[in-house]
Amino acid sequence: MQAKSIWENCYFSLPATYRIRVVGVLDKGWSERLAGMNIKTVKEDNLSPVTTLEGQLKDQAELLGVLNALYNLGITLKYVERLDKQ
């Protein structure tokens, strides 16, 4: 019996909805540069502000473009989550 690959049901060339959380404040004006993702910042008690980016990206190449843009801005990632169910 062959083991099932964890990548068997992943389709990297199809659209998917992602949630990306980063440390700090990211102005909503960056939305267009970040593939049109919705940007929302919250400040929790005595903690650094956290910005959430959420939206549909056309493929993983577009996701990589968003992540590279955040990296180039010096933004620290908390996590990246795919919201769609496969």
N, C-alpha and C. Protein backbone atom coordinates (compact mmCIF):
# COMPACT_ATOMS: atom_id res chain seq x y z
N MET A 1 0.84 -1.18 0.00
CA MET A 1 0.00 0.00 0.00
C MET A 1 0.89 1.24 0.00
N GLN A 2 0.66 2.12 -0.94
CA GLN A 2 1.47 3.32 -1.08
C GLN A 2 0.91 4.44 -0.19
N ALA A 3 1.80 5.16 0.50
CA ALA A 3 1.39 6.28 1.36
C ALA A 3 0.87 7.43 0.50
N LYS A 4 -0.15 8.09 0.99
CA LYS A 4 -0.74 9.22 0.29
C LYS A 4 0.12 10.46 0.51
N SER A 5 0.46 11.14 -0.57
CA SER A 5 1.28 12.34 -0.49
C SER A 5 0.47 13.50 0.11
N ILE A 6 1.12 14.32 0.94
CA ILE A 6 0.44 15.49 1.50
C ILE A 6 0.12 16.51 0.43
N TRP A 7 0.76 16.42 -0.74
CA TRP A 7 0.56 17.38 -1.82
C TRP A 7 -0.48 16.90 -2.84
N GLU A 8 -1.02 15.72 -2.63
CA GLU A 8 -1.91 15.12 -3.63
C GLU A 8 -3.12 15.98 -3.96
N ASN A 9 -3.70 16.66 -2.98
CA ASN A 9 -4.89 17.47 -3.22
C ASN A 9 -4.61 18.96 -3.27
N CYS A 10 -3.34 19.34 -3.48
CA CYS A 10 -2.97 20.75 -3.57
C CYS A 10 -2.87 21.15 -5.04
N TYR A 11 -3.54 22.22 -5.37
CA TYR A 11 -3.53 22.70 -6.75
C TYR A 11 -2.94 24.11 -6.74
N PHE A 12 -1.65 24.21 -6.96
CA PHE A 12 -0.93 25.45 -6.81
C PHE A 12 -1.23 26.47 -7.91
N SER A 13 -1.84 26.04 -9.00
CA SER A 13 -2.11 26.95 -10.10
C SER A 13 -3.54 27.48 -10.10
N LEU A 14 -4.32 27.14 -9.06
CA LEU A 14 -5.71 27.59 -8.98
C LEU A 14 -5.88 28.70 -7.95
N PRO A 15 -6.92 29.52 -8.08
CA PRO A 15 -7.18 30.58 -7.09
C PRO A 15 -7.46 29.99 -5.71
N ALA A 16 -7.08 30.76 -4.70
CA ALA A 16 -7.34 30.35 -3.31
C ALA A 16 -7.42 31.61 -2.46
N THR A 17 -8.12 31.51 -1.34
CA THR A 17 -8.25 32.62 -0.41
C THR A 17 -7.26 32.43 0.73
N TYR A 18 -6.53 33.51 1.04
CA TYR A 18 -5.49 33.45 2.06
C TYR A 18 -5.72 34.51 3.12
N ARG A 19 -5.23 34.20 4.32
CA ARG A 19 -5.15 35.18 5.42
C ARG A 19 -3.69 35.23 5.83
N ILE A 20 -3.14 36.43 5.82
CA ILE A 20 -1.75 36.65 6.20
C ILE A 20 -1.74 37.62 7.37
N ARG A 21 -1.10 37.26 8.45
CA ARG A 21 -0.98 38.16 9.61
C ARG A 21 0.47 38.60 9.74
N VAL A 22 0.64 39.90 9.97
CA VAL A 22 1.97 40.47 10.11
C VAL A 22 2.03 41.34 11.36
N VAL A 23 3.22 41.52 11.88
CA VAL A 23 3.43 42.37 13.04
C VAL A 23 3.52 43.82 12.56
N GLY A 24 2.82 44.70 13.26
CA GLY A 24 2.90 46.12 12.94
C GLY A 24 1.71 46.62 12.14
N VAL A 25 1.81 47.88 11.76
CA VAL A 25 0.74 48.56 11.04
C VAL A 25 1.10 48.65 9.57
N LEU A 26 0.16 48.25 8.74
CA LEU A 26 0.32 48.37 7.29
C LEU A 26 -0.87 49.17 6.78
N ASP A 27 -0.59 50.30 6.18
CA ASP A 27 -1.64 51.20 5.71
C ASP A 27 -2.50 50.54 4.65
N LYS A 28 -3.80 50.84 4.67
CA LYS A 28 -4.73 50.25 3.69
C LYS A 28 -4.38 50.64 2.26
N GLY A 29 -3.61 51.71 2.09
CA GLY A 29 -3.17 52.14 0.76
C GLY A 29 -2.28 51.12 0.06
N TRP A 30 -1.74 50.16 0.79
CA TRP A 30 -0.91 49.12 0.21
C TRP A 30 -1.72 48.01 -0.45
N SER A 31 -3.02 48.05 -0.30
CA SER A 31 -3.87 46.98 -0.83
C SER A 31 -3.63 46.71 -2.31
N GLU A 32 -3.58 47.75 -3.11
CA GLU A 32 -3.41 47.55 -4.55
C GLU A 32 -2.06 46.90 -4.86
N ARG A 33 -1.03 47.30 -4.16
CA ARG A 33 0.31 46.73 -4.37
C ARG A 33 0.37 45.28 -3.90
N LEU A 34 -0.53 44.92 -2.99
CA LEU A 34 -0.55 43.57 -2.44
C LEU A 34 -1.73 42.76 -2.99
N ALA A 35 -1.90 42.80 -4.30
CA ALA A 35 -2.88 41.99 -5.04
C ALA A 35 -4.31 42.26 -4.61
N GLY A 36 -4.60 43.47 -4.13
CA GLY A 36 -5.96 43.83 -3.77
C GLY A 36 -6.46 43.22 -2.48
N MET A 37 -5.56 42.70 -1.66
CA MET A 37 -5.98 42.08 -0.41
C MET A 37 -6.58 43.12 0.54
N ASN A 38 -7.59 42.71 1.31
CA ASN A 38 -8.18 43.57 2.33
C ASN A 38 -7.20 43.67 3.49
N ILE A 39 -7.02 44.89 4.01
CA ILE A 39 -6.05 45.12 5.08
C ILE A 39 -6.77 45.67 6.29
N LYS A 40 -6.54 45.03 7.45
CA LYS A 40 -7.16 45.47 8.70
C LYS A 40 -6.13 45.35 9.82
N THR A 41 -5.98 46.43 10.60
CA THR A 41 -5.03 46.43 11.71
C THR A 41 -5.78 46.51 13.03
N VAL A 42 -5.35 45.70 13.99
CA VAL A 42 -5.93 45.74 15.33
C VAL A 42 -4.79 45.86 16.34
N LYS A 43 -5.09 46.54 17.45
CA LYS A 43 -4.12 46.65 18.54
C LYS A 43 -4.74 46.02 19.76
N GLU A 44 -4.12 44.96 20.23
CA GLU A 44 -4.60 44.28 21.42
C GLU A 44 -3.91 44.88 22.63
N ASP A 45 -4.51 44.75 23.79
CA ASP A 45 -3.97 45.31 25.02
C ASP A 45 -2.50 44.97 25.22
N ASN A 46 -1.69 46.02 25.40
CA ASN A 46 -0.27 45.89 25.71
C ASN A 46 0.53 45.05 24.72
N LEU A 47 0.02 44.85 23.52
CA LEU A 47 0.73 44.10 22.50
C LEU A 47 0.97 44.98 21.28
N SER A 48 1.90 44.59 20.46
CA SER A 48 2.14 45.31 19.22
C SER A 48 0.93 45.18 18.31
N PRO A 49 0.68 46.18 17.46
CA PRO A 49 -0.42 46.05 16.50
C PRO A 49 -0.17 44.87 15.55
N VAL A 50 -1.25 44.26 15.09
CA VAL A 50 -1.17 43.16 14.14
C VAL A 50 -2.06 43.52 12.95
N THR A 51 -1.52 43.36 11.76
CA THR A 51 -2.28 43.63 10.54
C THR A 51 -2.62 42.31 9.87
N THR A 52 -3.88 42.20 9.45
CA THR A 52 -4.35 41.01 8.74
C THR A 52 -4.65 41.40 7.30
N LEU A 53 -4.10 40.63 6.38
CA LEU A 53 -4.40 40.77 4.96
C LEU A 53 -5.20 39.55 4.57
N GLU A 54 -6.30 39.77 3.88
CA GLU A 54 -7.14 38.64 3.50
C GLU A 54 -7.72 38.87 2.11
N GLY A 55 -7.71 37.82 1.31
CA GLY A 55 -8.29 37.94 -0.02
C GLY A 55 -7.93 36.76 -0.89
N GLN A 56 -8.56 36.74 -2.06
CA GLN A 56 -8.31 35.67 -3.02
C GLN A 56 -7.13 36.03 -3.91
N LEU A 57 -6.23 35.09 -4.06
CA LEU A 57 -5.09 35.24 -4.96
C LEU A 57 -5.23 34.23 -6.08
N LYS A 58 -4.80 34.60 -7.28
CA LYS A 58 -5.06 33.75 -8.44
C LYS A 58 -4.25 32.46 -8.47
N ASP A 59 -3.09 32.45 -7.81
CA ASP A 59 -2.28 31.24 -7.75
C ASP A 59 -1.15 31.45 -6.73
N GLN A 60 -0.32 30.44 -6.57
CA GLN A 60 0.75 30.57 -5.58
C GLN A 60 1.84 31.53 -6.03
N ALA A 61 1.97 31.78 -7.31
CA ALA A 61 2.93 32.78 -7.78
C ALA A 61 2.52 34.17 -7.27
N GLU A 62 1.21 34.45 -7.30
CA GLU A 62 0.73 35.73 -6.78
C GLU A 62 0.93 35.81 -5.26
N LEU A 63 0.73 34.70 -4.57
CA LEU A 63 0.99 34.65 -3.13
C LEU A 63 2.46 34.96 -2.86
N LEU A 64 3.36 34.37 -3.63
CA LEU A 64 4.78 34.64 -3.47
C LEU A 64 5.09 36.11 -3.71
N GLY A 65 4.42 36.74 -4.68
CA GLY A 65 4.62 38.17 -4.93
C GLY A 65 4.22 39.01 -3.74
N VAL A 66 3.10 38.67 -3.09
CA VAL A 66 2.66 39.38 -1.89
C VAL A 66 3.67 39.19 -0.76
N LEU A 67 4.10 37.96 -0.56
CA LEU A 67 5.07 37.68 0.51
C LEU A 67 6.40 38.39 0.26
N ASN A 68 6.84 38.42 -0.99
CA ASN A 68 8.09 39.13 -1.32
C ASN A 68 7.94 40.63 -1.07
N ALA A 69 6.79 41.20 -1.40
CA ALA A 69 6.56 42.62 -1.15
C ALA A 69 6.61 42.92 0.34
N LEU A 70 6.01 42.08 1.15
CA LEU A 70 6.05 42.26 2.61
C LEU A 70 7.48 42.15 3.12
N TYR A 71 8.23 41.19 2.60
CA TYR A 71 9.63 41.02 2.98
C TYR A 71 10.43 42.28 2.64
N ASN A 72 10.23 42.80 1.44
CA ASN A 72 10.95 44.00 1.01
C ASN A 72 10.61 45.23 1.85
N LEU A 73 9.44 45.23 2.45
CA LEU A 73 9.04 46.33 3.35
C LEU A 73 9.59 46.12 4.77
N GLY A 74 10.21 44.97 5.01
CA GLY A 74 10.74 44.67 6.33
C GLY A 74 9.68 44.26 7.33
N ILE A 75 8.56 43.76 6.83
CA ILE A 75 7.44 43.35 7.67
C ILE A 75 7.67 41.93 8.19
N THR A 76 7.41 41.71 9.48
CA THR A 76 7.56 40.39 10.08
C THR A 76 6.26 39.60 9.96
N LEU A 77 6.33 38.42 9.36
CA LEU A 77 5.16 37.55 9.22
C LEU A 77 4.88 36.83 10.54
N LYS A 78 3.59 36.74 10.88
CA LYS A 78 3.16 35.89 11.99
C LYS A 78 2.73 34.55 11.44
N TYR A 79 1.88 34.57 10.41
CA TYR A 79 1.50 33.32 9.76
C TYR A 79 0.79 33.58 8.43
N VAL A 80 0.75 32.54 7.62
CA VAL A 80 0.03 32.53 6.35
C VAL A 80 -0.91 31.33 6.41
N GLU A 81 -2.18 31.57 6.10
CA GLU A 81 -3.18 30.51 6.20
C GLU A 81 -4.02 30.47 4.93
N ARG A 82 -4.18 29.30 4.38
CA ARG A 82 -5.10 29.12 3.25
C ARG A 82 -6.47 28.82 3.82
N LEU A 83 -7.47 29.61 3.42
CA LEU A 83 -8.80 29.50 3.99
C LEU A 83 -9.71 28.54 3.24
N ASP A 84 -9.44 28.31 1.97
CA ASP A 84 -10.27 27.42 1.16
C ASP A 84 -10.11 25.98 1.61
N LYS A 85 -11.20 25.24 1.57
CA LYS A 85 -11.15 23.81 1.82
C LYS A 85 -10.91 23.10 0.52
N GLN A 86 -10.05 22.12 0.52
CA GLN A 86 -9.72 21.37 -0.71
C GLN A 86 -10.70 20.25 -0.90
